[in-house]
Amino acid sequence: MSSEPSQNGDEKPQKPLYERGSNRLLTHALVDIYVGEENSHYPLHEKLLCHHSPFFASIFYSKSNSSSRTKEFGLPEVEDAAFGLFVGWLYSRALRYPEEERDIGPLLDLYFLAVKLQIAALETDIVDTVRAFYHSNETYPGLRRVQYVYANTDEDNVMREMMVGSVARYLTLSDSIPEHWANALRKNGQLSVDIIRSIQEWHLEARNVPDARDASVDRGRNGFKGAVGFSNIEGSSGMEDVKEESEEEEEGHVNGNGVTSE
């Protein structure tokens, strides 16, 4: 559950676990989870863990899996920080609302972990939290955030769709295309296709879209600030009332904190 109330007035925030009478999940049975290269040890309530995660349920409730007998399992490929955030959510059903854009990185790492562990409720909470942050701050996801999501998700993914939908709006309302976005769109055909697909989901009425085939009407470009043809590609968007987060883009590998490395 996100710490921010749902923006849908018809939905009520889900109550924390301890308020929902789910003590039946907090039994004496524990499992030992070892995380990361340092094998950080997390003793967790078995029923609670398996109730929320089909991934762990298939491990600890499988008759053919040795982990179901030893009651321990290792996740050496998982970052300790992300798993710690997961444990916090598991016992509170709450996420800490990001205070600044750099807090989005750890949330994305937690999201990828939720996908791996097959925890749909946590996935939804994170998407709602990230969506609310950008909306309430009147900002948009930066290129590095979008690239990081693309590198760690499949095509049919809610976080990816939310990010692309936000970018589609950002670019459509801009008078020019930031140079780093132009370069990225040239290199990543799938991202370009997804932006078009996102715009199609708006289901715009034909009368609201300029028709370049009709010379008798204003096609939307002629005379606009004295320009004819396509919009410019510039280093900044030209939008004064909104901001794209993580504006300084560089080529290379990008991690969840928006840090670029060679």
Protein backbone atom coordinates (compact mmCIF):
# COMPACT_ATOMS: atom_id res chain seq x y z
CA MET A 1 0.00 0.00 0.00
CA SER A 2 1.36 3.39 -0.93
CA SER A 3 1.60 5.98 1.81
CA GLU A 4 -0.26 8.40 -0.47
CA PRO A 5 -4.04 8.03 -0.82
CA SER A 6 -5.31 6.62 -4.09
CA GLN A 7 -6.11 9.22 -6.72
CA ASN A 8 -9.18 7.23 -7.63
CA GLY A 9 -11.89 8.51 -5.30
CA ASP A 10 -13.76 5.22 -5.52
CA GLU A 11 -10.88 3.24 -4.05
CA LYS A 12 -9.96 3.22 -0.40
CA PRO A 13 -6.35 2.72 0.69
CA GLN A 14 -5.76 -0.83 1.78
CA LYS A 15 -5.33 -1.25 5.53
CA PRO A 16 -2.00 -2.45 6.90
CA LEU A 17 -1.68 -6.13 7.56
CA TYR A 18 -2.02 -5.89 11.34
CA GLU A 19 -5.32 -4.05 10.94
CA ARG A 20 -6.84 -6.71 8.72
CA GLY A 21 -6.87 -9.54 11.25
CA SER A 22 -4.19 -11.54 9.44
CA ASN A 23 -2.32 -12.75 12.48
CA ARG A 24 -2.88 -16.24 11.15
CA LEU A 25 0.00 -15.54 8.79
CA LEU A 26 2.38 -14.67 11.62
CA THR A 27 2.95 -18.18 12.93
CA HIS A 28 6.04 -19.64 14.57
CA ALA A 29 7.17 -21.20 11.29
CA LEU A 30 10.06 -19.23 9.82
CA VAL A 31 12.15 -19.54 6.67
CA ASP A 32 15.70 -18.30 6.17
CA ILE A 33 16.37 -16.17 3.10
CA TYR A 34 19.96 -15.33 2.18
CA VAL A 35 20.40 -12.32 -0.08
CA GLY A 36 23.22 -10.86 -2.13
CA GLU A 37 26.88 -11.71 -2.42
CA GLU A 38 27.31 -11.30 1.33
CA ASN A 39 24.48 -13.75 2.09
CA SER A 40 22.60 -11.30 4.30
CA HIS A 41 20.25 -13.35 6.47
CA TYR A 42 16.51 -12.60 6.66
CA PRO A 43 14.39 -14.88 8.89
CA LEU A 44 10.80 -14.37 7.68
CA HIS A 45 7.41 -15.79 8.57
CA GLU A 46 6.79 -18.59 6.11
CA LYS A 47 3.03 -18.23 5.73
CA LEU A 48 3.22 -14.46 5.37
CA LEU A 49 5.94 -14.70 2.73
CA CYS A 50 4.24 -17.44 0.73
CA HIS A 51 0.84 -15.76 1.01
CA HIS A 52 2.12 -12.74 -0.90
CA SER A 53 4.67 -14.41 -3.17
CA PRO A 54 3.76 -17.31 -5.48
CA PHE A 55 7.49 -17.49 -6.20
CA PHE A 56 8.29 -18.44 -2.61
CA ALA A 57 5.15 -20.55 -2.30
CA SER A 58 6.35 -22.72 -5.18
CA ILE A 59 9.66 -23.16 -3.37
CA PHE A 60 8.65 -23.82 0.21
CA TYR A 61 5.42 -25.70 -0.52
CA SER A 62 6.90 -27.94 -3.20
CA LYS A 63 7.33 -31.58 -2.24
CA SER A 64 10.11 -32.05 -4.77
CA ASN A 65 12.16 -28.99 -3.76
CA SER A 66 14.85 -29.46 -1.13
CA SER A 67 14.26 -25.91 0.10
CA SER A 68 10.81 -26.97 1.29
CA ARG A 69 12.54 -29.30 3.74
CA THR A 70 15.49 -27.13 4.77
CA LYS A 71 13.33 -23.98 4.92
CA GLU A 72 16.08 -21.83 3.47
CA PHE A 73 16.68 -20.24 0.11
CA GLY A 74 19.33 -18.03 -1.44
CA LEU A 75 18.97 -15.03 -3.73
CA PRO A 76 22.60 -14.11 -4.49
CA GLU A 77 21.62 -12.04 -7.54
CA VAL A 78 19.32 -9.75 -5.54
CA GLU A 79 20.55 -6.49 -4.05
CA ASP A 80 20.38 -6.37 -0.27
CA ALA A 81 18.90 -2.85 -0.28
CA ALA A 82 15.98 -3.85 -2.51
CA PHE A 83 15.21 -6.92 -0.42
CA GLY A 84 15.30 -4.84 2.75
CA LEU A 85 12.66 -2.55 1.26
CA PHE A 86 10.60 -5.61 0.37
CA VAL A 87 10.75 -6.90 3.94
CA GLY A 88 9.57 -3.50 5.17
CA TRP A 89 6.60 -3.65 2.80
CA LEU A 90 5.88 -7.28 3.69
CA TYR A 91 5.28 -6.48 7.36
CA SER A 92 3.70 -3.04 6.97
CA ARG A 93 2.10 -3.08 3.51
CA ALA A 94 3.33 0.48 3.15
CA LEU A 95 5.94 2.26 1.03
CA ARG A 96 7.85 5.36 1.99
CA TYR A 97 6.78 8.16 -0.33
CA PRO A 98 9.76 9.57 -2.30
CA GLU A 99 10.85 13.01 -1.17
CA GLU A 100 12.95 13.71 -4.26
CA GLU A 101 13.61 12.19 -7.66
CA ARG A 102 16.66 10.24 -6.55
CA ASP A 103 14.36 8.17 -4.31
CA ILE A 104 12.74 6.72 -7.43
CA GLY A 105 15.80 4.54 -8.17
CA PRO A 106 15.42 2.27 -5.12
CA LEU A 107 11.69 2.01 -5.81
CA LEU A 108 12.42 0.77 -9.32
CA ASP A 109 14.83 -1.84 -7.97
CA LEU A 110 12.11 -2.93 -5.56
CA TYR A 111 9.66 -3.09 -8.47
CA PHE A 112 11.92 -5.41 -10.47
CA LEU A 113 12.23 -7.62 -7.38
CA ALA A 114 8.44 -7.66 -7.00
CA VAL A 115 8.14 -8.85 -10.59
CA LYS A 116 10.66 -11.62 -9.91
CA LEU A 117 8.87 -12.69 -6.73
CA GLN A 118 5.48 -12.45 -8.47
CA ILE A 119 3.97 -10.04 -5.95
CA ALA A 120 1.30 -8.21 -7.92
CA ALA A 121 0.14 -6.08 -4.98
CA LEU A 122 3.62 -4.69 -4.43
CA GLU A 123 4.03 -3.99 -8.16
CA THR A 124 0.80 -1.99 -8.11
CA ASP A 125 1.79 -0.06 -4.99
CA ILE A 126 5.12 0.96 -6.52
CA VAL A 127 3.63 2.04 -9.86
CA ASP A 128 1.01 4.11 -8.03
CA THR A 129 3.69 5.72 -5.84
CA VAL A 130 5.97 6.60 -8.75
CA ARG A 131 3.03 7.87 -10.78
CA ALA A 132 1.86 10.07 -7.89
CA PHE A 133 5.34 11.50 -7.37
CA TYR A 134 5.74 12.72 -10.95
CA HIS A 135 2.18 13.98 -11.12
CA SER A 136 2.23 15.87 -7.82
CA ASN A 137 5.58 17.45 -8.65
CA GLU A 138 4.52 18.29 -12.23
CA THR A 139 7.59 16.54 -13.62
CA TYR A 140 8.24 13.69 -16.02
CA PRO A 141 10.53 10.63 -15.95
CA GLY A 142 13.97 11.32 -17.37
CA LEU A 143 15.53 9.32 -20.16
CA ARG A 144 17.75 7.34 -17.80
CA ARG A 145 14.79 6.20 -15.76
CA VAL A 146 12.98 5.05 -18.89
CA GLN A 147 16.07 3.26 -20.18
CA TYR A 148 16.51 1.50 -16.85
CA VAL A 149 12.91 0.29 -16.89
CA TYR A 150 13.25 -0.94 -20.48
CA ALA A 151 16.41 -2.85 -19.60
CA ASN A 152 14.69 -4.70 -16.76
CA THR A 153 11.13 -5.33 -17.94
CA ASP A 154 9.28 -7.09 -20.73
CA GLU A 155 6.99 -5.45 -23.26
CA ASP A 156 3.77 -6.14 -21.38
CA ASN A 157 4.65 -4.28 -18.19
CA VAL A 158 2.65 -1.68 -16.27
CA MET A 159 5.64 0.38 -15.10
CA ARG A 160 6.98 0.55 -18.65
CA GLU A 161 3.58 1.61 -19.98
CA MET A 162 3.25 4.32 -17.32
CA MET A 163 6.73 5.67 -18.05
CA VAL A 164 6.20 5.69 -21.82
CA GLY A 165 2.78 7.28 -21.47
CA SER A 166 4.29 10.07 -19.41
CA VAL A 167 7.07 10.62 -21.94
CA ALA A 168 4.56 10.67 -24.80
CA ARG A 169 2.70 13.50 -23.11
CA TYR A 170 5.92 15.35 -22.32
CA LEU A 171 7.17 15.24 -25.91
CA THR A 172 3.76 15.96 -27.46
CA LEU A 173 3.29 19.12 -25.40
CA SER A 174 6.83 20.33 -26.07
CA ASP A 175 7.69 22.82 -28.80
CA SER A 176 10.96 21.00 -29.49
CA ILE A 177 12.63 17.66 -28.81
CA PRO A 178 15.53 17.60 -26.32
CA GLU A 179 18.66 16.37 -28.06
CA HIS A 180 19.19 13.41 -25.70
CA TRP A 181 15.65 12.21 -26.38
CA ALA A 182 16.14 12.59 -30.13
CA ASN A 183 19.30 10.49 -29.96
CA ALA A 184 17.59 7.84 -27.84
CA LEU A 185 14.60 7.58 -30.18
CA ARG A 186 16.90 7.14 -33.16
CA LYS A 187 18.69 4.27 -31.44
CA ASN A 188 15.73 2.57 -29.75
CA GLY A 189 13.06 1.75 -32.30
CA GLN A 190 10.91 -0.05 -29.74
CA LEU A 191 10.71 3.04 -27.55
CA SER A 192 9.64 5.10 -30.56
CA VAL A 193 6.97 2.56 -31.45
CA ASP A 194 5.72 2.44 -27.86
CA ILE A 195 5.38 6.23 -27.73
CA ILE A 196 3.19 6.14 -30.84
CA ARG A 197 1.14 3.30 -29.36
CA SER A 198 0.70 5.32 -26.18
CA ILE A 199 -0.55 8.33 -28.13
CA GLN A 200 -3.00 6.07 -29.97
CA GLU A 201 -4.41 5.07 -26.60
CA TRP A 202 -5.55 8.65 -26.14
CA HIS A 203 -8.21 8.01 -28.82
CA LEU A 204 -8.07 11.58 -30.10
CA GLU A 205 -10.94 12.79 -32.24
CA ALA A 206 -9.91 13.37 -35.85
CA ARG A 207 -11.07 17.00 -35.72
CA ASN A 208 -8.53 17.69 -32.95
CA VAL A 209 -5.58 16.44 -35.01
CA PRO A 210 -4.17 18.70 -37.77
CA ASP A 211 -4.50 17.17 -41.24
CA ALA A 212 -1.31 17.73 -43.26
CA ARG A 213 -3.12 16.53 -46.42
CA ASP A 214 -5.58 19.43 -46.38
CA ALA A 215 -4.01 22.63 -47.73
CA SER A 216 -7.13 24.67 -47.02
CA VAL A 217 -6.78 24.53 -43.21
CA ASP A 218 -4.13 25.33 -40.65
CA ARG A 219 -2.04 22.19 -40.41
CA GLY A 220 -0.56 23.13 -37.09
CA ARG A 221 2.98 24.12 -38.16
CA ASN A 222 2.82 27.00 -40.67
CA GLY A 223 3.13 30.33 -38.97
CA PHE A 224 3.85 28.88 -35.52
CA LYS A 225 6.51 31.23 -34.11
CA GLY A 226 7.51 31.85 -37.72
CA ALA A 227 8.47 28.20 -38.22
CA VAL A 228 7.60 25.93 -41.11
CA GLY A 229 8.07 22.17 -40.95
CA PHE A 230 9.13 19.96 -38.07
CA SER A 231 9.88 21.20 -34.58
CA ASN A 232 13.46 21.84 -33.53
CA ILE A 233 15.80 19.49 -31.73
CA GLU A 234 17.32 21.41 -28.87
CA GLY A 235 19.20 20.90 -25.66
CA SER A 236 16.15 21.87 -23.61
CA SER A 237 12.44 21.32 -24.06
CA GLY A 238 11.31 24.93 -24.12
CA MET A 239 8.54 24.08 -21.67
CA GLU A 240 8.70 26.62 -18.87
CA ASP A 241 6.09 25.20 -16.52
CA VAL A 242 7.17 21.57 -16.41
CA LYS A 243 10.45 19.78 -15.95
CA GLU A 244 11.85 16.47 -17.04
CA GLU A 245 13.74 14.79 -14.20
CA SER A 246 17.31 13.54 -14.67
CA GLU A 247 18.04 15.93 -17.50
CA GLU A 248 21.79 15.34 -17.81
CA GLU A 249 21.94 12.23 -19.96
CA GLU A 250 25.07 10.31 -20.94
CA GLU A 251 25.68 7.15 -22.88
CA GLY A 252 26.57 3.98 -20.98
CA HIS A 253 25.09 1.64 -18.40
CA VAL A 254 22.48 3.15 -16.14
CA ASN A 255 21.57 1.86 -12.70
CA GLY A 256 18.55 2.45 -10.48
CA ASN A 257 20.01 5.58 -8.91
CA GLY A 258 20.33 7.23 -12.30
CA VAL A 259 24.12 6.88 -12.19
CA THR A 260 25.88 6.27 -15.47
CA SER A 261 28.97 4.11 -15.60
CA GLU A 262 31.26 3.12 -18.44
